[in-house]
C-alpha atoms as a PDB file:
ATOM      1  CA  MET A   1      26.848 111.084 -42.921  1.00  0.00           C
ATOM      2  CA  VAL A   2      26.124 110.036 -46.745  1.00  0.00           C
ATOM      3  CA  PRO A   3      27.814 112.983 -49.049  1.00  0.00           C
ATOM      4  CA  ALA A   4      25.376 114.649 -51.386  1.00  0.00           C
ATOM      5  CA  SER A   5      26.849 113.454 -53.848  1.00  0.00           C
ATOM      6  CA  SER A   6      26.266 109.595 -53.492  1.00  0.00           C
ATOM      7  CA  ALA A   7      22.738 109.780 -51.988  1.00  0.00           C
ATOM      8  CA  ALA A   8      21.717 111.772 -55.096  1.00  0.00           C
ATOM      9  CA  ALA A   9      23.543 109.237 -57.149  1.00  0.00           C
ATOM     10  CA  ALA A  10      21.541 106.305 -55.185  1.00  0.00           C
ATOM     11  CA  THR A  11      18.220 105.420 -57.119  1.00  0.00           C
ATOM     12  CA  LEU A  12      16.363 102.786 -57.786  1.00  0.00           C
ATOM     13  CA  GLU A  13      15.863 101.347 -60.897  1.00  0.00           C
ATOM     14  CA  PHE A  14      14.509  98.625 -62.763  1.00  0.00           C
ATOM     15  CA  LYS A  15      16.230  97.776 -66.076  1.00  0.00           C
ATOM     16  CA  PRO A  16      14.868  94.325 -67.410  1.00  0.00           C
ATOM     17  CA  ASN A  17      17.018  92.386 -69.456  1.00  0.00           C
ATOM     18  CA  LYS A  18      15.919  91.352 -72.844  1.00  0.00           C
ATOM     19  CA  ASP A  19      14.312  88.126 -72.336  1.00  0.00           C
ATOM     20  CA  GLN A  20      12.753  89.902 -69.136  1.00  0.00           C
ATOM     21  CA  GLN A  21      11.430  92.529 -71.679  1.00  0.00           C
ATOM     22  CA  HIS A  22      10.354  90.786 -73.948  1.00  0.00           C
ATOM     23  CA  THR A  23       7.811  88.667 -71.556  1.00  0.00           C
ATOM     24  CA  LEU A  24       6.938  91.953 -70.495  1.00  0.00           C
ATOM     25  CA  ASP A  25       6.158  93.325 -73.755  1.00  0.00           C
ATOM     26  CA  ILE A  26       3.776  90.099 -74.927  1.00  0.00           C
ATOM     27  CA  PHE A  27       2.130  90.218 -71.469  1.00  0.00           C
ATOM     28  CA  TYR A  28       1.191  93.837 -71.711  1.00  0.00           C
ATOM     29  CA  SER A  29       0.473  93.775 -74.741  1.00  0.00           C
ATOM     30  CA  LYS A  30      -2.708  91.762 -74.451  1.00  0.00           C
ATOM     31  CA  PHE A  31      -3.682  94.335 -72.218  1.00  0.00           C
ATOM     32  CA  ASP A  32      -3.376  97.019 -74.499  1.00  0.00           C
ATOM     33  CA  LYS A  33      -5.379  95.335 -77.553  1.00  0.00           C
ATOM     34  CA  ASP A  34      -7.617  94.554 -74.596  1.00  0.00           C
ATOM     35  CA  LEU A  35      -8.017  98.244 -73.556  1.00  0.00           C
ATOM     36  CA  THR A  36      -8.171  99.513 -77.751  1.00  0.00           C
ATOM     37  CA  GLN A  37     -11.187  96.440 -77.653  1.00  0.00           C
ATOM     38  CA  ARG A  38     -12.808  97.803 -74.803  1.00  0.00           C
ATOM     39  CA  TRP A  39     -12.139 102.163 -75.701  1.00  0.00           C
ATOM     40  CA  ALA A  40     -16.046 102.088 -76.670  1.00  0.00           C
ATOM     41  CA  LEU A  41     -17.330 102.218 -73.500  1.00  0.00           C
ATOM     42  CA  PHE A  42     -16.335 105.318 -72.961  1.00  0.00           C
ATOM     43  CA  ASP A  43     -18.267 106.418 -75.727  1.00  0.00           C
ATOM     44  CA  LYS A  44     -21.418 104.148 -74.714  1.00  0.00           C
ATOM     45  CA  TYR A  45     -21.618 105.774 -70.774  1.00  0.00           C
ATOM     46  CA  CYS A  46     -18.969 108.298 -70.247  1.00  0.00           C
ATOM     47  CA  MET A  47     -18.868 111.193 -73.488  1.00  0.00           C
ATOM     48  CA  LYS A  48     -22.353 112.256 -72.802  1.00  0.00           C
ATOM     49  CA  CYS A  49     -21.048 114.436 -70.045  1.00  0.00           C
ATOM     50  CA  HIS A  50     -17.547 113.906 -70.084  1.00  0.00           C
ATOM     51  CA  ASN A  51     -17.477 115.980 -73.832  1.00  0.00           C
ATOM     52  CA  ASN A  52     -16.131 118.856 -74.815  1.00  0.00           C
ATOM     53  CA  ASP A  53     -19.183 120.792 -74.454  1.00  0.00           C
ATOM     54  CA  ASP A  54     -20.742 119.793 -71.115  1.00  0.00           C
ATOM     55  CA  TYR A  55     -16.964 119.232 -69.530  1.00  0.00           C
ATOM     56  CA  ASN A  56     -18.327 117.603 -66.043  1.00  0.00           C
ATOM     57  CA  GLY A  57     -16.246 117.303 -63.521  1.00  0.00           C
ATOM     58  CA  ASN A  58     -13.632 119.236 -65.021  1.00  0.00           C
ATOM     59  CA  LEU A  59     -13.038 115.878 -67.355  1.00  0.00           C
ATOM     60  CA  SER A  60     -13.455 115.421 -71.605  1.00  0.00           C
ATOM     61  CA  LEU A  61     -12.504 112.374 -72.663  1.00  0.00           C
ATOM     62  CA  GLU A  62     -13.579 113.060 -76.373  1.00  0.00           C
ATOM     63  CA  ALA A  63     -10.181 113.819 -77.751  1.00  0.00           C
ATOM     64  CA  MET A  64      -8.659 110.559 -75.742  1.00  0.00           C
ATOM     65  CA  ASN A  65      -7.545 107.054 -77.109  1.00  0.00           C
ATOM     66  CA  PRO A  66      -6.296 104.229 -76.000  1.00  0.00           C
ATOM     67  CA  ALA A  67      -2.732 105.858 -76.571  1.00  0.00           C
ATOM     68  CA  ASP A  68      -3.431 108.665 -74.284  1.00  0.00           C
ATOM     69  CA  VAL A  69      -3.580 106.653 -71.483  1.00  0.00           C
ATOM     70  CA  ALA A  70      -0.156 106.339 -71.433  1.00  0.00           C
ATOM     71  CA  LYS A  71       0.150 110.179 -71.749  1.00  0.00           C
ATOM     72  CA  HIS A  72      -2.244 111.446 -68.784  1.00  0.00           C
ATOM     73  CA  PRO A  73      -1.388 108.720 -65.872  1.00  0.00           C
ATOM     74  CA  ASP A  74      -2.664 111.301 -63.705  1.00  0.00           C
ATOM     75  CA  VAL A  75      -6.518 111.688 -65.480  1.00  0.00           C
ATOM     76  CA  PHE A  76      -6.815 107.996 -66.281  1.00  0.00           C
ATOM     77  CA  GLU A  77      -5.657 107.069 -62.221  1.00  0.00           C
ATOM     78  CA  LYS A  78      -8.694 109.037 -61.207  1.00  0.00           C
ATOM     79  CA  VAL A  79     -11.151 107.780 -64.323  1.00  0.00           C
ATOM     80  CA  LEU A  80      -9.407 104.414 -63.039  1.00  0.00           C
ATOM     81  CA  ARG A  81     -10.424 105.071 -59.337  1.00  0.00           C
ATOM     82  CA  LYS A  82     -14.130 106.006 -59.862  1.00  0.00           C
ATOM     83  CA  LEU A  83     -14.662 103.150 -62.491  1.00  0.00           C
ATOM     84  CA  LYS A  84     -13.595 100.850 -59.336  1.00  0.00           C
ATOM     85  CA  ILE A  85     -15.553 102.316 -57.053  1.00  0.00           C
ATOM     86  CA  SER A  86     -18.637 102.328 -59.308  1.00  0.00           C
ATOM     87  CA  ALA A  87     -18.754 106.254 -58.608  1.00  0.00           C
ATOM     88  CA  MET A  88     -19.125 106.214 -62.871  1.00  0.00           C
ATOM     89  CA  PRO A  89     -21.578 106.290 -64.385  1.00  0.00           C
ATOM     90  CA  PRO A  90     -23.628 108.331 -62.094  1.00  0.00           C
ATOM     91  CA  ARG A  91     -26.469 105.512 -60.024  1.00  0.00           C
ATOM     92  CA  ASP A  92     -29.029 107.673 -62.422  1.00  0.00           C
ATOM     93  CA  GLN A  93     -27.341 106.560 -65.619  1.00  0.00           C
ATOM     94  CA  LYS A  94     -27.458 104.036 -67.980  1.00  0.00           C
ATOM     95  CA  GLN A  95     -24.298 101.370 -66.315  1.00  0.00           C
ATOM     96  CA  PRO A  96     -21.981  98.942 -68.390  1.00  0.00           C
ATOM     97  CA  SER A  97     -22.697  94.986 -67.350  1.00  0.00           C
ATOM     98  CA  ARG A  98     -20.051  94.000 -64.257  1.00  0.00           C
ATOM     99  CA  GLU A  99     -18.286  91.971 -66.840  1.00  0.00           C
ATOM    100  CA  GLU A 100     -17.657  94.805 -68.994  1.00  0.00           C
ATOM    101  CA  ARG A 101     -16.693  97.116 -65.808  1.00  0.00           C
ATOM    102  CA  SER A 102     -13.955  94.632 -64.895  1.00  0.00           C
ATOM    103  CA  GLN A 103     -12.598  93.954 -68.013  1.00  0.00           C
ATOM    104  CA  PHE A 104     -12.693  97.525 -68.215  1.00  0.00           C
ATOM    105  CA  VAL A 105     -11.008  98.273 -64.940  1.00  0.00           C
ATOM    106  CA  ALA A 106      -8.034  95.498 -65.340  1.00  0.00           C
ATOM    107  CA  ALA A 107      -7.297  96.814 -69.215  1.00  0.00           C
ATOM    108  CA  LEU A 108      -6.683 100.284 -68.258  1.00  0.00           C
ATOM    109  CA  GLU A 109      -5.044  99.370 -64.597  1.00  0.00           C
ATOM    110  CA  HIS A 110      -2.846  97.433 -66.631  1.00  0.00           C
ATOM    111  CA  THR A 111      -2.005  99.874 -69.186  1.00  0.00           C
ATOM    112  CA  LEU A 112      -1.290 102.499 -66.604  1.00  0.00           C
ATOM    113  CA  ASP A 113       1.270  99.915 -64.907  1.00  0.00           C
ATOM    114  CA  ASN A 114       2.387  99.393 -68.446  1.00  0.00           C
ATOM    115  CA  ALA A 115       3.057 102.778 -68.424  1.00  0.00           C
ATOM    116  CA  ALA A 116       4.938 103.446 -64.976  1.00  0.00           C
ATOM    117  CA  LEU A 117       7.080 100.473 -65.331  1.00  0.00           C
ATOM    118  CA  THR A 118       8.353 101.754 -68.820  1.00  0.00           C
ATOM    119  CA  HIS A 119       8.201 105.288 -67.673  1.00  0.00           C
ATOM    120  CA  PRO A 120       8.508 105.508 -64.352  1.00  0.00           C
ATOM    121  CA  TYR A 121       8.732 108.685 -62.413  1.00  0.00           C
ATOM    122  CA  ALA A 122       8.884 109.188 -58.143  1.00  0.00           C
ATOM    123  CA  GLY A 123       9.279 112.833 -58.276  1.00  0.00           C
ATOM    124  CA  THR A 124      12.119 114.403 -57.128  1.00  0.00           C
ATOM    125  CA  THR A 125      14.077 114.329 -53.316  1.00  0.00           C
ATOM    126  CA  THR A 126      15.315 117.245 -52.509  1.00  0.00           C
ATOM    127  CA  ILE A 127      18.603 117.083 -50.150  1.00  0.00           C
ATOM    128  CA  HIS A 128      18.419 119.071 -46.711  1.00  0.00           C
ATOM    129  CA  ARG A 129      21.105 119.335 -44.807  1.00  0.00           C
ATOM    130  CA  LEU A 130      21.118 119.137 -41.101  1.00  0.00           C
END
């Protein structure tokens, strides 16, 4: 049996060394820049419905910008899922090209991955007694 104090202290955490961090910074900055460059896709295809006035799907992207992806990963994970399966924009609305969609999805996905890597949170674990 493992004492509760050592079980609580046993956590996995990735802490890159300087060289690894530098490589990660270069890798992810490319995708952060890609996301910023492709952010206009939201204005073109999403803002008609997901704004403060219409608030379709209980979602407004109107005040969002690329920096908000890391601040609101829960929201953008949902956006990412909808974009990946082509559920958004709705079929009867104007659609981005396959290339636009795939490039935006890749940039959004890598930005979310970067946010998760730099600020990991796996939730809390409650230790139960037997």
